[in-house]
């Protein structure tokens, strides 16, 4: 199975997908947009994209692309992210003055960078930063990436677990054309909606879940691109779209909002995550 991800070999997205799909053929792309395009065009059967990190928050571009795309969320993966400081062999920690990595990785290691007085340089990918550093080493320059990236590109690990908080996890969505056949165990459903511009509009919308006895696990707002200073709400709830509670809640929600899109129903990661179709 071909599975698209953003980045190059050694990226955390690749690690996450191989954890759940060990026999897959990972296909790396420079941007999230190209990952979606690869799945939409059939170049890959599935895609794996990050949606949020416990330290740095949501990856907004992924949510924007989910809104625009016809692809479904078919699974989620939660992956422990352990950042390492990498440099060409023979480099001393005291000689470093700058470090390259993805903006999310830099944000997750902000305290370490401040203590070491290292200037952050954002690039498109953690593993890509490691690969570029190995191919074009510069004095005083390091990269933040995984230990696997160090092994792949022949770099030395100068420091490990440099993330500011030990409970550093990234949640990934698995995206595809069709939802997987429903299996055993708890499910989640992700939706996006817009409320009517009137007093109590959001409260009125959210009340449908309490009325149906449905628990919400996430609620986040994002600006609407087509209506300045208007907002969309991304919401995760417990249960499958076909379960009585969620089905009832979404039917009532449809009558109370200006826009509603179901992104997908998928197995909750805490109970085994996703499985290959």
Protein backbone atom coordinates (compact mmCIF):
# COMPACT_ATOMS: atom_id res chain seq x y z
CA UNK A 1 0.00 0.00 0.00
CA UNK A 2 1.27 3.47 -0.90
CA UNK A 3 0.82 6.07 1.83
CA UNK A 4 1.67 9.73 1.30
CA UNK A 5 3.20 11.93 3.98
CA UNK A 6 4.74 15.39 4.20
CA UNK A 7 8.52 15.37 4.42
CA UNK A 8 11.41 13.10 3.57
CA UNK A 9 12.58 9.72 4.89
CA UNK A 10 13.03 9.93 8.65
CA UNK A 11 10.19 12.40 9.22
CA UNK A 12 7.92 11.88 12.20
CA UNK A 13 4.96 11.48 9.84
CA UNK A 14 6.76 8.54 8.21
CA UNK A 15 7.53 7.04 11.62
CA UNK A 16 3.86 7.33 12.60
CA UNK A 17 2.52 5.68 9.45
CA UNK A 18 5.05 2.83 9.61
CA UNK A 19 4.04 2.17 13.22
CA UNK A 20 0.49 1.39 12.07
CA UNK A 21 1.17 0.28 8.48
CA UNK A 22 4.57 -1.49 8.72
CA UNK A 23 4.29 -3.04 5.25
CA UNK A 24 3.36 0.24 3.51
CA UNK A 25 5.42 2.05 0.91
CA UNK A 26 5.81 5.63 2.23
CA UNK A 27 5.73 8.41 -0.37
CA UNK A 28 7.19 11.72 0.84
CA UNK A 29 6.03 15.09 -0.53
CA UNK A 30 7.28 18.63 0.23
CA UNK A 31 3.90 20.07 1.27
CA UNK A 32 0.62 19.04 2.91
CA UNK A 33 -1.19 20.22 -0.21
CA UNK A 34 0.75 17.72 -2.33
CA UNK A 35 -0.10 14.92 0.10
CA UNK A 36 -3.81 15.62 -0.40
CA UNK A 37 -3.32 15.85 -4.18
CA UNK A 38 -1.49 12.50 -4.27
CA UNK A 39 -4.36 10.73 -2.51
CA UNK A 40 -7.01 12.50 -4.56
CA UNK A 41 -5.24 11.52 -7.80
CA UNK A 42 -4.77 7.88 -6.77
CA UNK A 43 -1.00 8.18 -6.58
CA UNK A 44 -1.34 6.97 -2.99
CA UNK A 45 -4.13 4.94 -1.38
CA UNK A 46 -3.94 6.86 1.90
CA UNK A 47 -2.26 9.92 3.37
CA UNK A 48 -1.00 10.65 6.89
CA UNK A 49 -1.03 14.30 8.00
CA UNK A 50 -0.46 15.88 11.43
CA UNK A 51 -3.37 17.78 12.96
CA UNK A 52 -2.22 18.75 16.46
CA UNK A 53 0.61 18.52 18.95
CA UNK A 54 0.29 18.49 22.72
CA UNK A 55 2.89 21.27 23.04
CA UNK A 56 2.59 23.46 19.94
CA UNK A 57 -1.14 23.10 19.25
CA UNK A 58 -3.01 22.58 15.99
CA UNK A 59 -1.58 22.42 12.49
CA UNK A 60 -4.00 24.84 10.87
CA UNK A 61 -3.09 24.10 7.27
CA UNK A 62 -4.26 20.52 7.66
CA UNK A 63 -7.67 21.65 8.90
CA UNK A 64 -7.97 24.12 6.01
CA UNK A 65 -7.16 21.40 3.48
CA UNK A 66 -9.67 19.00 5.06
CA UNK A 67 -12.37 21.60 4.57
CA UNK A 68 -11.52 22.05 0.88
CA UNK A 69 -10.99 18.36 0.06
CA UNK A 70 -13.45 15.56 -0.67
CA UNK A 71 -11.23 13.08 1.19
CA UNK A 72 -12.40 11.50 4.44
CA UNK A 73 -10.65 11.07 7.76
CA UNK A 74 -10.44 7.26 8.08
CA UNK A 75 -8.19 6.94 11.12
CA UNK A 76 -6.01 8.66 13.67
CA UNK A 77 -2.51 7.92 14.96
CA UNK A 78 -1.00 9.37 18.13
CA UNK A 79 2.80 9.30 18.03
CA UNK A 80 5.33 10.13 20.75
CA UNK A 81 7.73 12.73 19.33
CA UNK A 82 11.27 12.63 20.71
CA UNK A 83 13.44 15.41 19.29
CA UNK A 84 17.20 15.11 18.91
CA UNK A 85 19.83 17.75 18.20
CA UNK A 86 21.83 16.53 15.22
CA UNK A 87 25.11 17.73 13.69
CA UNK A 88 27.87 16.42 11.43
CA UNK A 89 30.25 14.05 13.21
CA UNK A 90 32.98 15.85 15.11
CA UNK A 91 30.82 18.89 15.90
CA UNK A 92 30.94 20.10 19.53
CA UNK A 93 27.80 21.32 21.26
CA UNK A 94 29.57 24.51 22.39
CA UNK A 95 30.37 25.45 18.79
CA UNK A 96 26.74 25.63 17.65
CA UNK A 97 24.99 28.95 17.04
CA UNK A 98 21.95 28.04 14.92
CA UNK A 99 19.57 25.12 14.31
CA UNK A 100 17.23 24.24 11.45
CA UNK A 101 13.95 22.35 11.65
CA UNK A 102 10.23 22.48 10.99
CA UNK A 103 8.50 25.41 12.79
CA UNK A 104 6.49 22.98 14.93
CA UNK A 105 9.66 21.19 16.09
CA UNK A 106 11.35 24.51 16.86
CA UNK A 107 8.31 25.56 18.90
CA UNK A 108 8.34 22.28 20.82
CA UNK A 109 12.03 22.85 21.74
CA UNK A 110 11.79 26.59 22.39
CA UNK A 111 13.08 26.39 25.96
CA UNK A 112 16.08 24.28 24.99
CA UNK A 113 16.98 26.66 22.18
CA UNK A 114 16.76 29.64 24.52
CA UNK A 115 19.00 28.00 27.13
CA UNK A 116 21.56 27.05 24.49
CA UNK A 117 21.30 30.46 22.78
CA UNK A 118 20.67 28.83 19.42
CA UNK A 119 19.02 30.81 16.62
CA UNK A 120 16.06 28.89 15.13
CA UNK A 121 15.86 28.62 11.34
CA UNK A 122 12.49 27.28 10.07
CA UNK A 123 12.45 24.88 7.11
CA UNK A 124 9.74 22.65 5.61
CA UNK A 125 10.63 19.38 7.35
CA UNK A 126 12.59 17.94 10.28
CA UNK A 127 14.14 15.07 8.34
CA UNK A 128 14.69 17.38 5.36
CA UNK A 129 16.73 19.67 7.63
CA UNK A 130 18.84 16.69 8.69
CA UNK A 131 19.35 15.53 5.11
CA UNK A 132 20.34 19.01 3.91
CA UNK A 133 22.76 19.43 6.81
CA UNK A 134 24.42 16.11 6.00
CA UNK A 135 24.76 17.03 2.32
CA UNK A 136 25.80 20.66 2.92
CA UNK A 137 27.32 21.00 6.40
CA UNK A 138 27.93 24.49 7.75
CA UNK A 139 30.07 25.39 10.78
CA UNK A 140 27.96 25.99 13.87
CA UNK A 141 24.73 24.73 12.29
CA UNK A 142 22.65 21.83 13.64
CA UNK A 143 19.22 20.30 12.95
CA UNK A 144 16.35 19.05 15.10
CA UNK A 145 14.98 15.73 13.91
CA UNK A 146 14.49 12.12 14.97
CA UNK A 147 17.17 9.62 15.94
CA UNK A 148 16.15 7.65 12.85
CA UNK A 149 16.95 10.67 10.68
CA UNK A 150 20.43 10.81 12.27
CA UNK A 151 20.97 7.15 11.37
CA UNK A 152 19.69 7.61 7.82
CA UNK A 153 21.87 10.61 7.03
CA UNK A 154 24.99 9.83 9.04
CA UNK A 155 24.69 12.61 11.62
CA UNK A 156 25.70 12.58 15.28
CA UNK A 157 23.17 12.97 18.10
CA UNK A 158 24.50 15.76 20.35
CA UNK A 159 21.46 15.82 22.64
CA UNK A 160 18.22 13.83 22.80
CA UNK A 161 14.75 14.38 24.22
CA UNK A 162 15.25 18.13 23.91
CA UNK A 163 11.51 18.86 23.69
CA UNK A 164 10.35 21.18 26.46
CA UNK A 165 7.70 18.80 27.81
CA UNK A 166 8.10 15.02 28.19
CA UNK A 167 4.51 14.31 27.16
CA UNK A 168 5.11 15.49 23.60
CA UNK A 169 2.69 13.72 21.27
CA UNK A 170 1.50 14.51 17.76
CA UNK A 171 -1.88 13.40 16.51
CA UNK A 172 -2.14 12.45 12.85
CA UNK A 173 -5.17 11.93 10.63
CA UNK A 174 -5.21 9.14 8.07
CA UNK A 175 -7.04 10.40 4.98
CA UNK A 176 -8.56 8.45 2.11
CA UNK A 177 -11.37 8.36 -0.44
CA UNK A 178 -13.64 6.04 1.54
CA UNK A 179 -14.12 5.33 5.21
CA UNK A 180 -12.87 1.91 6.31
CA UNK A 181 -15.39 -0.82 7.19
CA UNK A 182 -16.55 -0.33 10.74
CA UNK A 183 -14.77 -2.52 13.28
CA UNK A 184 -14.97 -3.17 17.01
CA UNK A 185 -14.22 -0.66 19.73
CA UNK A 186 -14.92 3.03 20.31
CA UNK A 187 -14.99 5.51 17.45
CA UNK A 188 -14.57 9.24 17.01
CA UNK A 189 -16.24 11.56 14.51
CA UNK A 190 -14.80 14.86 13.27
CA UNK A 191 -16.96 17.62 11.82
CA UNK A 192 -16.72 21.28 10.83
CA UNK A 193 -19.61 23.75 11.01
CA UNK A 194 -20.48 27.46 10.93
CA UNK A 195 -23.18 29.01 13.10
CA UNK A 196 -25.66 31.68 12.13
CA UNK A 197 -24.58 35.17 13.17
CA UNK A 198 -26.96 35.79 16.05
CA UNK A 199 -26.82 35.86 19.87
CA UNK A 200 -26.43 32.40 21.35
CA UNK A 201 -25.76 30.78 17.97
CA UNK A 202 -22.79 28.71 19.15
CA UNK A 203 -24.47 27.76 22.43
CA UNK A 204 -27.57 26.66 20.52
CA UNK A 205 -25.43 24.51 18.22
CA UNK A 206 -23.41 22.86 20.99
CA UNK A 207 -26.46 22.10 23.11
CA UNK A 208 -27.52 19.36 20.68
CA UNK A 209 -24.65 17.16 21.86
CA UNK A 210 -25.58 17.48 25.53
CA UNK A 211 -29.20 16.75 24.67
CA UNK A 212 -28.13 13.55 22.86
CA UNK A 213 -25.66 12.53 25.60
CA UNK A 214 -22.63 12.84 23.28
CA UNK A 215 -19.23 13.75 24.71
CA UNK A 216 -17.03 16.25 22.87
CA UNK A 217 -13.25 15.77 22.85
CA UNK A 218 -12.18 18.88 20.93
CA UNK A 219 -13.57 22.24 19.79
CA UNK A 220 -11.53 24.79 17.88
CA UNK A 221 -12.36 27.85 15.77
CA UNK A 222 -10.70 28.83 12.49
CA UNK A 223 -11.29 31.98 10.38
CA UNK A 224 -13.43 31.56 7.27
CA UNK A 225 -11.58 32.47 4.10
CA UNK A 226 -14.74 33.39 2.21
CA UNK A 227 -16.23 35.63 4.94
CA UNK A 228 -13.92 38.07 6.74
CA UNK A 229 -14.14 37.93 10.55
CA UNK A 230 -16.44 34.92 10.45
CA UNK A 231 -15.42 31.57 11.91
CA UNK A 232 -15.69 27.84 11.38
CA UNK A 233 -15.71 25.40 14.29
CA UNK A 234 -13.86 22.09 14.12
CA UNK A 235 -15.23 19.54 16.56
CA UNK A 236 -14.38 15.97 17.57
CA UNK A 237 -16.98 13.84 19.32
CA UNK A 238 -17.07 10.35 20.76
CA UNK A 239 -18.96 7.79 18.72
CA UNK A 240 -19.59 6.79 15.12
CA UNK A 241 -21.81 8.76 12.76
CA UNK A 242 -24.18 5.78 12.64
CA UNK A 243 -24.54 5.50 16.44
CA UNK A 244 -27.91 6.71 17.76
CA UNK A 245 -26.49 9.55 19.89
CA UNK A 246 -24.19 11.14 17.28
CA UNK A 247 -26.75 10.58 14.50
CA UNK A 248 -29.43 12.34 16.52
CA UNK A 249 -27.10 15.18 17.50
CA UNK A 250 -25.91 15.83 13.94
CA UNK A 251 -29.45 15.79 12.58
CA UNK A 252 -30.43 18.46 15.12
CA UNK A 253 -27.22 20.38 14.45
CA UNK A 254 -27.96 20.48 10.74
CA UNK A 255 -31.15 22.42 11.51
CA UNK A 256 -29.35 24.97 13.69
CA UNK A 257 -26.21 25.90 11.73
CA UNK A 258 -25.42 27.67 8.49
CA UNK A 259 -22.96 25.03 7.28
CA UNK A 260 -21.99 21.47 8.29
CA UNK A 261 -19.46 18.99 6.91
CA UNK A 262 -18.64 15.58 8.36
CA UNK A 263 -14.90 14.94 7.96
CA UNK A 264 -15.13 11.28 8.96
CA UNK A 265 -15.78 8.61 11.58
CA UNK A 266 -12.76 6.51 12.58
CA UNK A 267 -11.41 4.19 15.33
CA UNK A 268 -10.25 6.02 18.45
CA UNK A 269 -6.47 5.67 18.77
CA UNK A 270 -6.53 4.77 22.48
CA UNK A 271 -8.12 1.46 21.50
CA UNK A 272 -5.72 0.37 18.79
CA UNK A 273 -5.75 3.27 16.37
CA UNK A 274 -6.33 2.41 12.72
CA UNK A 275 -5.75 -0.74 10.73
CA UNK A 276 -4.96 -1.27 7.08
CA UNK A 277 -7.99 -1.61 4.79
